[in-house]
Amino acid sequence: MSPLPPPSAVSVLDATWSNLAWREHAACSHVDTNLFFPVGVTGPAVPQIARAKAVCANCPVQTPCLEFALRTHQDYGVWGGHTEEERRSIRRARRAAARRAAALRSTA
C-alpha cells in the first residue's frame, strides 16, 4: 500500500467513490458521525450544525469533501462545512453557470 499524499496535495479530483483515500485526512474521522447529520435545521439542530461546521473549518480536506458531496449528490448532513441547503445553492449556481457558458458557446 502506498503512503497517502499530504493533505495539501489532495485534489478535488480525488474525491470520488472510487477513491476515498482523502477521507483518511479528514478532521472528522474520529468524531461521532451523528454530529454531521442533525435532525432538522432549527432548535437543537442549530448548535449541532455549528459544531459540525467548526470541525470542518479546520479540516485539511474540506474542499475535496465538499466536492465529493456535490458530485455524489449527498442530500443530508454537513459535508465540507456546508449544509444541505448550502450545497443545493452551490449546485444551482453551477448549473446556471453551465447554462450561461453553453449559451455563449452556441452564439460564438
PDB file of N, CA and C in Angstrom:
ATOM      1  N   MET A   1       0.853  -1.180   0.000  1.00  0.00           N
ATOM      2  CA  MET A   1       0.000   0.000   0.000  1.00  0.00           C
ATOM      3  C   MET A   1       0.895   1.239   0.000  1.00  0.00           C
ATOM      4  N   SER A   2       0.640   2.146  -0.924  1.00  0.00           N
ATOM      5  CA  SER A   2       1.467   3.345  -0.999  1.00  0.00           C
ATOM      6  C   SER A   2       0.999   4.362   0.025  1.00  0.00           C
ATOM      7  N   PRO A   3       1.925   5.195   0.505  1.00  0.00           N
ATOM      8  CA  PRO A   3       1.531   6.196   1.500  1.00  0.00           C
ATOM      9  C   PRO A   3       0.600   7.230   0.882  1.00  0.00           C
ATOM     10  N   LEU A   4      -0.244   7.786   1.715  1.00  0.00           N
ATOM     11  CA  LEU A   4      -1.159   8.821   1.251  1.00  0.00           C
ATOM     12  C   LEU A   4      -0.399  10.112   1.004  1.00  0.00           C
ATOM     13  N   PRO A   5      -0.855  10.902   0.030  1.00  0.00           N
ATOM     14  CA  PRO A   5      -0.218  12.198  -0.171  1.00  0.00           C
ATOM     15  C   PRO A   5      -0.540  13.107   1.005  1.00  0.00           C
ATOM     16  N   PRO A   6       0.276  14.127   1.223  1.00  0.00           N
ATOM     17  CA  PRO A   6      -0.060  15.063   2.295  1.00  0.00           C
ATOM     18  C   PRO A   6      -1.390  15.735   1.980  1.00  0.00           C
ATOM     19  N   PRO A   7      -2.145  16.142   3.004  1.00  0.00           N
ATOM     20  CA  PRO A   7      -3.453  16.745   2.770  1.00  0.00           C
ATOM     21  C   PRO A   7      -3.422  17.905   1.785  1.00  0.00           C
ATOM     22  N   SER A   8      -2.361  18.694   1.789  1.00  0.00           N
ATOM     23  CA  SER A   8      -2.303  19.838   0.885  1.00  0.00           C
ATOM     24  C   SER A   8      -2.243  19.399  -0.569  1.00  0.00           C
ATOM     25  N   ALA A   9      -1.856  18.144  -0.828  1.00  0.00           N
ATOM     26  CA  ALA A   9      -1.756  17.646  -2.189  1.00  0.00           C
ATOM     27  C   ALA A   9      -3.022  16.915  -2.633  1.00  0.00           C
ATOM     28  N   VAL A  10      -3.998  16.799  -1.760  1.00  0.00           N
ATOM     29  CA  VAL A  10      -5.229  16.106  -2.096  1.00  0.00           C
ATOM     30  C   VAL A  10      -6.068  17.021  -2.978  1.00  0.00           C
ATOM     31  N   SER A  11      -6.393  16.546  -4.140  1.00  0.00           N
ATOM     32  CA  SER A  11      -7.137  17.325  -5.119  1.00  0.00           C
ATOM     33  C   SER A  11      -8.626  17.036  -5.027  1.00  0.00           C
ATOM     34  N   VAL A  12      -9.433  17.987  -5.475  1.00  0.00           N
ATOM     35  CA  VAL A  12     -10.877  17.734  -5.536  1.00  0.00           C
ATOM     36  C   VAL A  12     -11.152  16.627  -6.535  1.00  0.00           C
ATOM     37  N   LEU A  13     -10.244  16.407  -7.464  1.00  0.00           N
ATOM     38  CA  LEU A  13     -10.426  15.334  -8.433  1.00  0.00           C
ATOM     39  C   LEU A  13     -10.306  13.963  -7.785  1.00  0.00           C
ATOM     40  N   ASP A  14      -9.666  13.909  -6.607  1.00  0.00           N
ATOM     41  CA  ASP A  14      -9.513  12.654  -5.874  1.00  0.00           C
ATOM     42  C   ASP A  14     -10.775  12.270  -5.108  1.00  0.00           C
ATOM     43  N   ALA A  15     -11.702  13.181  -4.983  1.00  0.00           N
ATOM     44  CA  ALA A  15     -12.883  12.971  -4.146  1.00  0.00           C
ATOM     45  C   ALA A  15     -13.980  12.265  -4.938  1.00  0.00           C
ATOM     46  N   THR A  16     -13.838  10.966  -5.064  1.00  0.00           N
ATOM     47  CA  THR A  16     -14.807  10.167  -5.796  1.00  0.00           C
ATOM     48  C   THR A  16     -15.115   8.894  -5.021  1.00  0.00           C
ATOM     49  N   TRP A  17     -16.164   8.182  -5.434  1.00  0.00           N
ATOM     50  CA  TRP A  17     -16.490   6.906  -4.787  1.00  0.00           C
ATOM     51  C   TRP A  17     -15.370   5.906  -4.996  1.00  0.00           C
ATOM     52  N   SER A  18     -14.684   5.979  -6.145  1.00  0.00           N
ATOM     53  CA  SER A  18     -13.634   5.012  -6.414  1.00  0.00           C
ATOM     54  C   SER A  18     -12.323   5.357  -5.702  1.00  0.00           C
ATOM     55  N   ASN A  19     -12.218   6.551  -5.169  1.00  0.00           N
ATOM     56  CA  ASN A  19     -11.015   6.941  -4.438  1.00  0.00           C
ATOM     57  C   ASN A  19     -11.429   7.678  -3.173  1.00  0.00           C
ATOM     58  N   LEU A  20     -11.498   6.952  -2.097  1.00  0.00           N
ATOM     59  CA  LEU A  20     -11.914   7.545  -0.828  1.00  0.00           C
ATOM     60  C   LEU A  20     -10.730   7.775   0.118  1.00  0.00           C
ATOM     61  N   ALA A  21      -9.512   7.656  -0.391  1.00  0.00           N
ATOM     62  CA  ALA A  21      -8.328   7.810   0.454  1.00  0.00           C
ATOM     63  C   ALA A  21      -8.255   9.186   1.104  1.00  0.00           C
ATOM     64  N   TRP A  22      -8.813  10.194   0.453  1.00  0.00           N
ATOM     65  CA  TRP A  22      -8.792  11.548   1.016  1.00  0.00           C
ATOM     66  C   TRP A  22      -9.466  11.587   2.374  1.00  0.00           C
ATOM     67  N   ARG A  23     -10.405  10.690   2.608  1.00  0.00           N
ATOM     68  CA  ARG A  23     -11.136  10.671   3.882  1.00  0.00           C
ATOM     69  C   ARG A  23     -10.230  10.382   5.078  1.00  0.00           C
ATOM     70  N   GLU A  24      -9.121   9.711   4.823  1.00  0.00           N
ATOM     71  CA  GLU A  24      -8.202   9.385   5.921  1.00  0.00           C
ATOM     72  C   GLU A  24      -7.573  10.640   6.523  1.00  0.00           C
ATOM     73  N   HIS A  25      -7.618  11.738   5.795  1.00  0.00           N
ATOM     74  CA  HIS A  25      -7.067  13.006   6.275  1.00  0.00           C
ATOM     75  C   HIS A  25      -8.137  13.876   6.946  1.00  0.00           C
ATOM     76  N   ALA A  26      -9.373  13.441   6.931  1.00  0.00           N
ATOM     77  CA  ALA A  26     -10.487  14.263   7.407  1.00  0.00           C
ATOM     78  C   ALA A  26     -10.438  14.502   8.912  1.00  0.00           C
ATOM     79  N   ALA A  27     -10.703  15.727   9.289  1.00  0.00           N
ATOM     80  CA  ALA A  27     -10.732  16.093  10.708  1.00  0.00           C
ATOM     81  C   ALA A  27     -11.844  15.355  11.445  1.00  0.00           C
ATOM     82  N   CYS A  28     -12.844  14.913  10.724  1.00  0.00           N
ATOM     83  CA  CYS A  28     -13.984  14.243  11.350  1.00  0.00           C
ATOM     84  C   CYS A  28     -13.799  12.738  11.485  1.00  0.00           C
ATOM     85  N   SER A  29     -12.665  12.215  11.055  1.00  0.00           N
ATOM     86  CA  SER A  29     -12.509  10.764  11.021  1.00  0.00           C
ATOM     87  C   SER A  29     -12.616  10.105  12.392  1.00  0.00           C
ATOM     88  N   HIS A  30     -12.417  10.884  13.461  1.00  0.00           N
ATOM     89  CA  HIS A  30     -12.530  10.316  14.809  1.00  0.00           C
ATOM     90  C   HIS A  30     -13.641  10.985  15.616  1.00  0.00           C
ATOM     91  N   VAL A  31     -14.592  11.571  14.906  1.00  0.00           N
ATOM     92  CA  VAL A  31     -15.721  12.255  15.539  1.00  0.00           C
ATOM     93  C   VAL A  31     -16.976  11.430  15.264  1.00  0.00           C
ATOM     94  N   ASP A  32     -17.865  11.382  16.220  1.00  0.00           N
ATOM     95  CA  ASP A  32     -19.132  10.667  16.043  1.00  0.00           C
ATOM     96  C   ASP A  32     -19.856  11.237  14.827  1.00  0.00           C
ATOM     97  N   THR A  33     -20.145  10.387  13.853  1.00  0.00           N
ATOM     98  CA  THR A  33     -20.775  10.844  12.612  1.00  0.00           C
ATOM     99  C   THR A  33     -22.156  11.457  12.828  1.00  0.00           C
ATOM    100  N   ASN A  34     -22.810  11.132  13.929  1.00  0.00           N
ATOM    101  CA  ASN A  34     -24.122  11.718  14.204  1.00  0.00           C
ATOM    102  C   ASN A  34     -24.058  13.241  14.288  1.00  0.00           C
ATOM    103  N   LEU A  35     -22.901  13.774  14.671  1.00  0.00           N
ATOM    104  CA  LEU A  35     -22.752  15.227  14.750  1.00  0.00           C
ATOM    105  C   LEU A  35     -23.042  15.877  13.400  1.00  0.00           C
ATOM    106  N   PHE A  36     -22.697  15.203  12.318  1.00  0.00           N
ATOM    107  CA  PHE A  36     -22.806  15.779  10.983  1.00  0.00           C
ATOM    108  C   PHE A  36     -24.157  15.531  10.319  1.00  0.00           C
ATOM    109  N   PHE A  37     -25.054  14.893  11.041  1.00  0.00           N
ATOM    110  CA  PHE A  37     -26.374  14.604  10.495  1.00  0.00           C
ATOM    111  C   PHE A  37     -27.466  15.030  11.481  1.00  0.00           C
ATOM    112  N   PRO A  38     -27.605  16.348  11.681  1.00  0.00           N
ATOM    113  CA  PRO A  38     -28.623  16.841  12.609  1.00  0.00           C
ATOM    114  C   PRO A  38     -30.027  16.562  12.078  1.00  0.00           C
ATOM    115  N   VAL A  39     -30.953  16.478  12.993  1.00  0.00           N
ATOM    116  CA  VAL A  39     -32.347  16.293  12.616  1.00  0.00           C
ATOM    117  C   VAL A  39     -32.964  17.684  12.513  1.00  0.00           C
ATOM    118  N   GLY A  40     -33.192  18.121  11.304  1.00  0.00           N
ATOM    119  CA  GLY A  40     -33.773  19.438  11.081  1.00  0.00           C
ATOM    120  C   GLY A  40     -32.729  20.525  10.974  1.00  0.00           C
ATOM    121  N   VAL A  41     -33.228  21.771  10.929  1.00  0.00           N
ATOM    122  CA  VAL A  41     -32.336  22.923  10.800  1.00  0.00           C
ATOM    123  C   VAL A  41     -32.668  24.007  11.821  1.00  0.00           C
ATOM    124  N   THR A  42     -33.559  23.691  12.737  1.00  0.00           N
ATOM    125  CA  THR A  42     -33.944  24.649  13.767  1.00  0.00           C
ATOM    126  C   THR A  42     -33.796  24.007  15.138  1.00  0.00           C
ATOM    127  N   GLY A  43     -33.991  24.802  16.165  1.00  0.00           N
ATOM    128  CA  GLY A  43     -33.946  24.290  17.534  1.00  0.00           C
ATOM    129  C   GLY A  43     -32.604  23.696  17.873  1.00  0.00           C
ATOM    130  N   PRO A  44     -32.584  22.459  18.432  1.00  0.00           N
ATOM    131  CA  PRO A  44     -31.331  21.838  18.854  1.00  0.00           C
ATOM    132  C   PRO A  44     -30.368  21.575  17.692  1.00  0.00           C
ATOM    133  N   ALA A  45     -30.882  21.552  16.474  1.00  0.00           N
ATOM    134  CA  ALA A  45     -30.026  21.301  15.315  1.00  0.00           C
ATOM    135  C   ALA A  45     -29.077  22.471  15.047  1.00  0.00           C
ATOM    136  N   VAL A  46     -29.454  23.680  15.423  1.00  0.00           N
ATOM    137  CA  VAL A  46     -28.633  24.863  15.123  1.00  0.00           C
ATOM    138  C   VAL A  46     -27.251  24.772  15.768  1.00  0.00           C
ATOM    139  N   PRO A  47     -27.143  24.531  17.079  1.00  0.00           N
ATOM    140  CA  PRO A  47     -25.795  24.403  17.644  1.00  0.00           C
ATOM    141  C   PRO A  47     -25.060  23.163  17.147  1.00  0.00           C
ATOM    142  N   GLN A  48     -25.786  22.114  16.830  1.00  0.00           N
ATOM    143  CA  GLN A  48     -25.153  20.907  16.308  1.00  0.00           C
ATOM    144  C   GLN A  48     -24.523  21.200  14.945  1.00  0.00           C
ATOM    145  N   ILE A  49     -25.227  21.916  14.092  1.00  0.00           N
ATOM    146  CA  ILE A  49     -24.688  22.301  12.784  1.00  0.00           C
ATOM    147  C   ILE A  49     -23.453  23.174  12.968  1.00  0.00           C
ATOM    148  N   ALA A  50     -23.518  24.090  13.919  1.00  0.00           N
ATOM    149  CA  ALA A  50     -22.369  24.965  14.187  1.00  0.00           C
ATOM    150  C   ALA A  50     -21.159  24.156  14.644  1.00  0.00           C
ATOM    151  N   ARG A  51     -21.380  23.152  15.484  1.00  0.00           N
ATOM    152  CA  ARG A  51     -20.266  22.303  15.947  1.00  0.00           C
ATOM    153  C   ARG A  51     -19.674  21.499  14.784  1.00  0.00           C
ATOM    154  N   ALA A  52     -20.547  20.984  13.940  1.00  0.00           N
ATOM    155  CA  ALA A  52     -20.070  20.226  12.775  1.00  0.00           C
ATOM    156  C   ALA A  52     -19.253  21.123  11.852  1.00  0.00           C
ATOM    157  N   LYS A  53     -19.749  22.316  11.599  1.00  0.00           N
ATOM    158  CA  LYS A  53     -19.027  23.251  10.735  1.00  0.00           C
ATOM    159  C   LYS A  53     -17.697  23.668  11.355  1.00  0.00           C
ATOM    160  N   ALA A  54     -17.633  23.723  12.665  1.00  0.00           N
ATOM    161  CA  ALA A  54     -16.375  24.072  13.341  1.00  0.00           C
ATOM    162  C   ALA A  54     -15.326  22.990  13.102  1.00  0.00           C
ATOM    163  N   VAL A  55     -15.737  21.731  13.104  1.00  0.00           N
ATOM    164  CA  VAL A  55     -14.810  20.647  12.796  1.00  0.00           C
ATOM    165  C   VAL A  55     -14.325  20.794  11.354  1.00  0.00           C
ATOM    166  N   CYS A  56     -15.253  21.066  10.459  1.00  0.00           N
ATOM    167  CA  CYS A  56     -14.905  21.209   9.038  1.00  0.00           C
ATOM    168  C   CYS A  56     -13.987  22.410   8.788  1.00  0.00           C
ATOM    169  N   ALA A  57     -14.154  23.450   9.561  1.00  0.00           N
ATOM    170  CA  ALA A  57     -13.387  24.683   9.327  1.00  0.00           C
ATOM    171  C   ALA A  57     -11.887  24.462   9.403  1.00  0.00           C
ATOM    172  N   ASN A  58     -11.446  23.512  10.193  1.00  0.00           N
ATOM    173  CA  ASN A  58     -10.020  23.239  10.348  1.00  0.00           C
ATOM    174  C   ASN A  58      -9.581  21.970   9.629  1.00  0.00           C
ATOM    175  N   CYS A  59     -10.398  21.483   8.728  1.00  0.00           N
ATOM    176  CA  CYS A  59     -10.112  20.216   8.062  1.00  0.00           C
ATOM    177  C   CYS A  59      -9.246  20.427   6.822  1.00  0.00           C
ATOM    178  N   PRO A  60      -8.165  19.635   6.695  1.00  0.00           N
ATOM    179  CA  PRO A  60      -7.294  19.790   5.535  1.00  0.00           C
ATOM    180  C   PRO A  60      -7.912  19.294   4.226  1.00  0.00           C
ATOM    181  N   VAL A  61      -9.003  18.534   4.309  1.00  0.00           N
ATOM    182  CA  VAL A  61      -9.644  18.048   3.085  1.00  0.00           C
ATOM    183  C   VAL A  61     -11.077  18.574   2.961  1.00  0.00           C
ATOM    184  N   GLN A  62     -11.302  19.760   3.464  1.00  0.00           N
ATOM    185  CA  GLN A  62     -12.642  20.345   3.403  1.00  0.00           C
ATOM    186  C   GLN A  62     -13.125  20.487   1.959  1.00  0.00           C
ATOM    187  N   THR A  63     -12.269  20.978   1.078  1.00  0.00           N
ATOM    188  CA  THR A  63     -12.684  21.188  -0.311  1.00  0.00           C
ATOM    189  C   THR A  63     -12.981  19.876  -1.025  1.00  0.00           C
ATOM    190  N   PRO A  64     -12.104  18.857  -0.942  1.00  0.00           N
ATOM    191  CA  PRO A  64     -12.466  17.581  -1.566  1.00  0.00           C
ATOM    192  C   PRO A  64     -13.731  16.972  -0.968  1.00  0.00           C
ATOM    193  N   CYS A  65     -13.938  17.141   0.318  1.00  0.00           N
ATOM    194  CA  CYS A  65     -15.142  16.617   0.973  1.00  0.00           C
ATOM    195  C   CYS A  65     -16.386  17.270   0.395  1.00  0.00           C
ATOM    196  N   LEU A  66     -16.355  18.593   0.275  1.00  0.00           N
ATOM    197  CA  LEU A  66     -17.492  19.307  -0.305  1.00  0.00           C
ATOM    198  C   LEU A  66     -17.712  18.860  -1.738  1.00  0.00           C
ATOM    199  N   GLU A  67     -16.648  18.762  -2.503  1.00  0.00           N
ATOM    200  CA  GLU A  67     -16.782  18.349  -3.903  1.00  0.00           C
ATOM    201  C   GLU A  67     -17.341  16.941  -4.009  1.00  0.00           C
ATOM    202  N   PHE A  68     -16.896  16.048  -3.127  1.00  0.00           N
ATOM    203  CA  PHE A  68     -17.441  14.695  -3.107  1.00  0.00           C
ATOM    204  C   PHE A  68     -18.948  14.736  -2.871  1.00  0.00           C
ATOM    205  N   ALA A  69     -19.371  15.510  -1.887  1.00  0.00           N
ATOM    206  CA  ALA A  69     -20.799  15.598  -1.565  1.00  0.00           C
ATOM    207  C   ALA A  69     -21.590  16.162  -2.741  1.00  0.00           C
ATOM    208  N   LEU A  70     -21.024  17.140  -3.430  1.00  0.00           N
ATOM    209  CA  LEU A  70     -21.713  17.730  -4.580  1.00  0.00           C
ATOM    210  C   LEU A  70     -21.782  16.737  -5.740  1.00  0.00           C
ATOM    211  N   ARG A  71     -20.689  16.085  -6.018  1.00  0.00           N
ATOM    212  CA  ARG A  71     -20.636  15.148  -7.151  1.00  0.00           C
ATOM    213  C   ARG A  71     -21.486  13.914  -6.932  1.00  0.00           C
ATOM    214  N   THR A  72     -21.583  13.470  -5.691  1.00  0.00           N
ATOM    215  CA  THR A  72     -22.326  12.241  -5.402  1.00  0.00           C
ATOM    216  C   THR A  72     -23.722  12.527  -4.859  1.00  0.00           C
ATOM    217  N   HIS A  73     -24.116  13.781  -4.907  1.00  0.00           N
ATOM    218  CA  HIS A  73     -25.466  14.203  -4.507  1.00  0.00           C
ATOM    219  C   HIS A  73     -25.846  13.760  -3.096  1.00  0.00           C
ATOM    220  N   GLN A  74     -24.951  14.043  -2.153  1.00  0.00           N
ATOM    221  CA  GLN A  74     -25.256  13.760  -0.749  1.00  0.00           C
ATOM    222  C   GLN A  74     -26.312  14.763  -0.303  1.00  0.00           C
ATOM    223  N   ASP A  75     -27.497  14.280  -0.034  1.00  0.00           N
ATOM    224  CA  ASP A  75     -28.624  15.162   0.277  1.00  0.00           C
ATOM    225  C   ASP A  75     -28.730  15.507   1.751  1.00  0.00           C
ATOM    226  N   TYR A  76     -28.043  14.792   2.608  1.00  0.00           N
ATOM    227  CA  TYR A  76     -28.199  15.004   4.035  1.00  0.00           C
ATOM    228  C   TYR A  76     -26.854  15.252   4.707  1.00  0.00           C
ATOM    229  N   GLY A  77     -26.892  16.018   5.762  1.00  0.00           N
ATOM    230  CA  GLY A  77     -25.717  16.209   6.588  1.00  0.00           C
ATOM    231  C   GLY A  77     -24.853  17.388   6.202  1.00  0.00           C
ATOM    232  N   VAL A  78     -23.841  17.596   7.021  1.00  0.00           N
ATOM    233  CA  VAL A  78     -22.847  18.643   6.796  1.00  0.00           C
ATOM    234  C   VAL A  78     -21.644  17.970   6.147  1.00  0.00           C
ATOM    235  N   TRP A  79     -21.291  18.427   4.967  1.00  0.00           N
ATOM    236  CA  TRP A  79     -20.148  17.912   4.208  1.00  0.00           C
ATOM    237  C   TRP A  79     -19.306  19.103   3.790  1.00  0.00           C
ATOM    238  N   GLY A  80     -18.028  19.047   4.034  1.00  0.00           N
ATOM    239  CA  GLY A  80     -17.151  20.133   3.620  1.00  0.00           C
ATOM    240  C   GLY A  80     -17.556  21.471   4.203  1.00  0.00           C
ATOM    241  N   GLY A  81     -18.167  21.437   5.378  1.00  0.00           N
ATOM    242  CA  GLY A  81     -18.566  22.674   6.039  1.00  0.00           C
ATOM    243  C   GLY A  81     -19.834  23.304   5.502  1.00  0.00           C
ATOM    244  N   HIS A  82     -20.609  22.572   4.712  1.00  0.00           N
ATOM    245  CA  HIS A  82     -21.825  23.108   4.111  1.00  0.00           C
ATOM    246  C   HIS A  82     -23.023  22.209   4.412  1.00  0.00           C
ATOM    247  N   THR A  83     -24.144  22.843   4.685  1.00  0.00           N
ATOM    248  CA  THR A  83     -25.388  22.127   4.953  1.00  0.00           C
ATOM    249  C   THR A  83     -26.042  21.703   3.641  1.00  0.00           C
ATOM    250  N   GLU A  84     -27.120  20.950   3.774  1.00  0.00           N
ATOM    251  CA  GLU A  84     -27.864  20.503   2.598  1.00  0.00           C
ATOM    252  C   GLU A  84     -28.277  21.686   1.728  1.00  0.00           C
ATOM    253  N   GLU A  85     -28.867  22.708   2.352  1.00  0.00           N
ATOM    254  CA  GLU A  85     -29.354  23.858   1.591  1.00  0.00           C
ATOM    255  C   GLU A  85     -28.205  24.625   0.943  1.00  0.00           C
ATOM    256  N   GLU A  86     -27.107  24.744   1.637  1.00  0.00           N
ATOM    257  CA  GLU A  86     -25.941  25.434   1.054  1.00  0.00           C
ATOM    258  C   GLU A  86     -25.412  24.674  -0.159  1.00  0.00           C
ATOM    259  N   ARG A  87     -25.407  23.352  -0.075  1.00  0.00           N
ATOM    260  CA  ARG A  87     -24.960  22.556  -1.233  1.00  0.00           C
ATOM    261  C   ARG A  87     -25.950  22.653  -2.375  1.00  0.00           C
ATOM    262  N   ARG A  88     -27.243  22.700  -2.082  1.00  0.00           N
ATOM    263  CA  ARG A  88     -28.231  22.882  -3.147  1.00  0.00           C
ATOM    264  C   ARG A  88     -28.002  24.206  -3.862  1.00  0.00           C
ATOM    265  N   SER A  89     -27.694  25.245  -3.112  1.00  0.00           N
ATOM    266  CA  SER A  89     -27.411  26.552  -3.709  1.00  0.00           C
ATOM    267  C   SER A  89     -26.184  26.494  -4.614  1.00  0.00           C
ATOM    268  N   ILE A  90     -25.164  25.797  -4.167  1.00  0.00           N
ATOM    269  CA  ILE A  90     -23.954  25.655  -4.991  1.00  0.00           C
ATOM    270  C   ILE A  90     -24.288  24.919  -6.279  1.00  0.00           C
ATOM    271  N   ARG A  91     -25.051  23.828  -6.175  1.00  0.00           N
ATOM    272  CA  ARG A  91     -25.418  23.073  -7.382  1.00  0.00           C
ATOM    273  C   ARG A  91     -26.240  23.925  -8.331  1.00  0.00           C
ATOM    274  N   ARG A  92     -27.182  24.711  -7.795  1.00  0.00           N
ATOM    275  CA  ARG A  92     -27.987  25.599  -8.656  1.00  0.00           C
ATOM    276  C   ARG A  92     -27.103  26.610  -9.364  1.00  0.00           C
ATOM    277  N   ALA A  93     -26.169  27.204  -8.624  1.00  0.00           N
ATOM    278  CA  ALA A  93     -25.274  28.205  -9.212  1.00  0.00           C
ATOM    279  C   ALA A  93     -24.401  27.570 -10.297  1.00  0.00           C
ATOM    280  N   ARG A  94     -23.922  26.371 -10.061  1.00  0.00           N
ATOM    281  CA  ARG A  94     -23.103  25.691 -11.066  1.00  0.00           C
ATOM    282  C   ARG A  94     -23.914  25.369 -12.312  1.00  0.00           C
ATOM    283  N   ARG A  95     -25.156  24.911 -12.125  1.00  0.00           N
ATOM    284  CA  ARG A  95     -25.995  24.624 -13.293  1.00  0.00           C
ATOM    285  C   ARG A  95     -26.263  25.892 -14.094  1.00  0.00           C
ATOM    286  N   ALA A  96     -26.544  26.991 -13.399  1.00  0.00           N
ATOM    287  CA  ALA A  96     -26.797  28.265 -14.082  1.00  0.00           C
ATOM    288  C   ALA A  96     -25.550  28.719 -14.842  1.00  0.00           C
ATOM    289  N   ALA A  97     -24.379  28.577 -14.237  1.00  0.00           N
ATOM    290  CA  ALA A  97     -23.131  28.959 -14.903  1.00  0.00           C
ATOM    291  C   ALA A  97     -22.892  28.087 -16.134  1.00  0.00           C
ATOM    292  N   ALA A  98     -23.192  26.802 -16.027  1.00  0.00           N
ATOM    293  CA  ALA A  98     -23.021  25.902 -17.167  1.00  0.00           C
ATOM    294  C   ALA A  98     -23.976  26.279 -18.298  1.00  0.00           C
ATOM    295  N   ARG A  99     -25.211  26.648 -17.946  1.00  0.00           N
ATOM    296  CA  ARG A  99     -26.174  27.070 -18.974  1.00  0.00           C
ATOM    297  C   ARG A  99     -25.698  28.341 -19.670  1.00  0.00           C
ATOM    298  N   ARG A 100     -25.190  29.300 -18.880  1.00  0.00           N
ATOM    299  CA  ARG A 100     -24.682  30.545 -19.471  1.00  0.00           C
ATOM    300  C   ARG A 100     -23.506  30.270 -20.394  1.00  0.00           C
ATOM    301  N   ALA A 101     -22.601  29.394 -19.952  1.00  0.00           N
ATOM    302  CA  ALA A 101     -21.433  29.067 -20.772  1.00  0.00           C
ATOM    303  C   ALA A 101     -21.862  28.373 -22.060  1.00  0.00           C
ATOM    304  N   ALA A 102     -22.831  27.484 -21.976  1.00  0.00           N
ATOM    305  CA  ALA A 102     -23.323  26.789 -23.173  1.00  0.00           C
ATOM    306  C   ALA A 102     -23.985  27.782 -24.127  1.00  0.00           C
ATOM    307  N   ALA A 103     -24.736  28.720 -23.570  1.00  0.00           N
ATOM    308  CA  ALA A 103     -25.385  29.737 -24.404  1.00  0.00           C
ATOM    309  C   ALA A 103     -24.348  30.604 -25.107  1.00  0.00           C
ATOM    310  N   LEU A 104     -23.289  30.966 -24.413  1.00  0.00           N
ATOM    311  CA  LEU A 104     -22.217  31.763 -25.019  1.00  0.00           C
ATOM    312  C   LEU A 104     -21.512  30.998 -26.128  1.00  0.00           C
ATOM    313  N   ARG A 105     -21.286  29.718 -25.903  1.00  0.00           N
ATOM    314  CA  ARG A 105     -20.624  28.888 -26.933  1.00  0.00           C
ATOM    315  C   ARG A 105     -21.492  28.762 -28.162  1.00  0.00           C
ATOM    316  N   SER A 106     -22.798  28.664 -27.963  1.00  0.00           N
ATOM    317  CA  SER A 106     -23.688  28.461 -29.109  1.00  0.00           C
ATOM    318  C   SER A 106     -23.841  29.741 -29.944  1.00  0.00           C
ATOM    319  N   THR A 107     -23.583  30.883 -29.366  1.00  0.00           N
ATOM    320  CA  THR A 107     -23.689  32.139 -30.121  1.00  0.00           C
ATOM    321  C   THR A 107     -22.360  32.531 -30.745  1.00  0.00           C
ATOM    322  N   ALA A 108     -21.289  31.854 -30.353  1.00  0.00           N
ATOM    323  CA  ALA A 108     -19.958  32.205 -30.875  1.00  0.00           C
ATOM    324  C   ALA A 108     -19.690  31.556 -32.208  1.00  0.00           C
TER     325      ALA A 108
END
